[in-house]
Amino acid sequence: MSVGDRDGSPPSWQFAVVIALGAGDLVTGALLVVAPAVVFRLLGFAPAPDEATIFVRWIGVFVAAIGGAYLLPFRLAAGRERQERLRATLEWTALARLAVATFVAAGVLAVALPEGWCFVGSYDALAASAQLALLAAWGRSSER
């Protein structure tokens, strides 16, 4: 028997984690688009130079899109299709987060990024690890 609902779906707290991850990226991305200086200030970074702002906003679009990807499966009714889409979303976004964490780590080690960026890389590595743990738990519960 599954650790989730009677229909074999994961527990609702796990869905809440997925929604929180998506909402966090959606809001962060949107803020990077409309108010990049606010995000930089919240992270304790120096403001981006004016000529770089367009690139920061472009990254914001990407971050917001990733956040939206987490939320798309929830437009479907609970059931097998939603679970399959959630699995695919978590697999893809975990890969994206690990890529970001690796890039940030390399950038900090090469002294191309300030050490403050370690927070961003660590958050992405932690989120990816949580996602992979959820996927493993879902895999184990479906085998029962």
Protein backbone atom coordinates (compact mmCIF):
# COMPACT_ATOMS: atom_id res chain seq x y z
CA MET A 1 0.00 0.00 0.00
CA SER A 2 1.18 3.47 -0.83
CA VAL A 3 2.21 6.06 1.71
CA GLY A 4 -0.13 8.48 -0.06
CA ASP A 5 -3.81 8.51 -0.78
CA ARG A 6 -5.81 5.33 -1.30
CA ASP A 7 -5.48 5.70 -5.06
CA GLY A 8 -1.69 5.35 -4.79
CA SER A 9 -0.88 9.03 -5.24
CA PRO A 10 1.80 10.67 -3.07
CA PRO A 11 0.82 12.37 0.20
CA SER A 12 -0.51 15.91 -0.12
CA TRP A 13 2.49 17.39 1.75
CA GLN A 14 4.70 16.21 -1.10
CA PHE A 15 2.47 18.02 -3.58
CA ALA A 16 2.77 21.11 -1.37
CA VAL A 17 6.58 20.90 -1.65
CA VAL A 18 6.33 20.79 -5.46
CA ILE A 19 3.92 23.74 -5.49
CA ALA A 20 6.19 25.73 -3.15
CA LEU A 21 9.22 25.10 -5.35
CA GLY A 22 7.30 26.19 -8.44
CA ALA A 23 5.76 29.24 -6.83
CA GLY A 24 9.14 30.33 -5.45
CA ASP A 25 10.76 30.19 -8.88
CA LEU A 26 7.77 31.82 -10.56
CA VAL A 27 7.86 34.77 -8.15
CA THR A 28 11.67 35.06 -8.23
CA GLY A 29 11.67 35.01 -12.02
CA ALA A 30 8.91 37.59 -12.24
CA LEU A 31 10.79 39.85 -9.83
CA LEU A 32 13.97 39.47 -11.89
CA VAL A 33 11.99 40.67 -14.91
CA VAL A 34 10.19 43.63 -13.34
CA ALA A 35 12.53 44.62 -10.49
CA PRO A 36 15.95 42.96 -10.78
CA ALA A 37 17.51 45.39 -8.29
CA VAL A 38 15.10 44.17 -5.60
CA VAL A 39 16.22 40.55 -6.05
CA PHE A 40 19.87 41.55 -6.01
CA ARG A 41 19.30 43.59 -2.84
CA LEU A 42 17.46 40.68 -1.14
CA LEU A 43 20.38 38.38 -1.98
CA GLY A 44 22.91 40.94 -0.76
CA PHE A 45 24.46 41.42 -4.22
CA ALA A 46 25.65 44.64 -5.77
CA PRO A 47 23.17 45.84 -8.41
CA ALA A 48 23.80 44.63 -11.93
CA PRO A 49 25.32 47.24 -14.24
CA ASP A 50 22.73 48.93 -16.46
CA GLU A 51 24.05 47.23 -19.59
CA ALA A 52 23.60 43.80 -17.94
CA THR A 53 20.01 44.38 -16.80
CA ILE A 54 18.53 43.00 -20.02
CA PHE A 55 20.38 39.71 -19.42
CA VAL A 56 19.24 39.56 -15.80
CA ARG A 57 15.65 40.03 -17.01
CA TRP A 58 16.12 37.32 -19.64
CA ILE A 59 17.31 34.96 -16.89
CA GLY A 60 14.19 35.99 -14.96
CA VAL A 61 12.01 34.83 -17.84
CA PHE A 62 13.75 31.45 -17.75
CA VAL A 63 13.44 31.15 -13.95
CA ALA A 64 9.74 32.06 -14.10
CA ALA A 65 9.18 29.49 -16.87
CA ILE A 66 10.80 26.80 -14.74
CA GLY A 67 8.53 27.79 -11.86
CA GLY A 68 5.50 27.56 -14.11
CA ALA A 69 6.58 24.10 -15.26
CA TYR A 70 6.21 22.82 -11.70
CA LEU A 71 2.64 24.06 -11.58
CA LEU A 72 1.36 22.85 -14.97
CA PRO A 73 0.60 19.26 -13.88
CA PHE A 74 -1.78 20.59 -11.22
CA ARG A 75 -4.18 21.84 -13.87
CA LEU A 76 -5.03 18.17 -14.44
CA ALA A 77 -7.39 16.22 -12.21
CA ALA A 78 -5.69 13.95 -9.70
CA GLY A 79 -4.77 10.65 -11.23
CA ARG A 80 -2.23 8.77 -13.27
CA GLU A 81 -1.68 11.46 -15.95
CA ARG A 82 -0.97 14.14 -13.33
CA GLN A 83 1.46 11.81 -11.53
CA GLU A 84 3.30 11.01 -14.76
CA ARG A 85 3.60 14.70 -15.65
CA LEU A 86 4.79 15.53 -12.13
CA ARG A 87 7.47 12.85 -12.38
CA ALA A 88 8.65 14.22 -15.74
CA THR A 89 8.62 17.78 -14.40
CA LEU A 90 10.63 16.83 -11.33
CA GLU A 91 13.14 14.89 -13.40
CA TRP A 92 13.67 17.76 -15.84
CA THR A 93 13.76 20.53 -13.25
CA ALA A 94 16.12 18.53 -11.02
CA LEU A 95 18.50 18.31 -13.98
CA ALA A 96 18.16 22.07 -14.59
CA ARG A 97 18.78 22.83 -10.91
CA LEU A 98 21.86 20.58 -10.83
CA ALA A 99 23.17 22.36 -13.92
CA VAL A 100 22.69 25.74 -12.21
CA ALA A 101 24.36 24.50 -9.01
CA THR A 102 27.33 23.18 -11.01
CA PHE A 103 27.66 26.40 -12.99
CA VAL A 104 27.53 28.53 -9.84
CA ALA A 105 30.06 26.31 -8.03
CA ALA A 106 32.45 26.51 -10.98
CA GLY A 107 31.92 30.26 -11.22
CA VAL A 108 32.67 30.82 -7.55
CA LEU A 109 35.70 28.52 -7.62
CA ALA A 110 37.03 30.33 -10.70
CA VAL A 111 36.41 33.65 -8.93
CA ALA A 112 34.10 34.68 -11.77
CA LEU A 113 31.15 34.96 -9.36
CA PRO A 114 31.19 36.47 -5.86
CA GLU A 115 30.91 34.01 -2.97
CA GLY A 116 27.39 35.27 -2.25
CA TRP A 117 26.22 33.23 -5.22
CA CYS A 118 26.88 30.10 -3.16
CA PHE A 119 23.43 30.63 -1.65
CA VAL A 120 21.82 30.32 -5.09
CA GLY A 121 23.84 27.24 -6.01
CA SER A 122 23.25 25.60 -2.64
CA TYR A 123 19.52 26.25 -2.83
CA ASP A 124 19.33 24.70 -6.29
CA ALA A 125 21.40 21.68 -5.20
CA LEU A 126 19.18 21.20 -2.14
CA ALA A 127 15.98 21.56 -4.16
CA ALA A 128 17.25 19.07 -6.77
CA SER A 129 18.14 16.62 -4.01
CA ALA A 130 14.68 16.96 -2.49
CA GLN A 131 13.10 16.39 -5.88
CA LEU A 132 15.19 13.28 -6.51
CA ALA A 133 14.25 11.99 -3.04
CA LEU A 134 10.57 12.53 -3.83
CA LEU A 135 10.95 10.68 -7.11
CA ALA A 136 12.67 7.78 -5.35
CA ALA A 137 9.92 7.66 -2.72
CA TRP A 138 7.25 7.70 -5.41
CA GLY A 139 9.05 4.88 -7.20
CA ARG A 140 9.19 2.77 -4.05
CA SER A 141 5.53 3.37 -3.22
CA SER A 142 4.41 2.41 -6.72
CA GLU A 143 6.27 -0.91 -6.45
CA ARG A 144 4.15 -1.98 -3.48
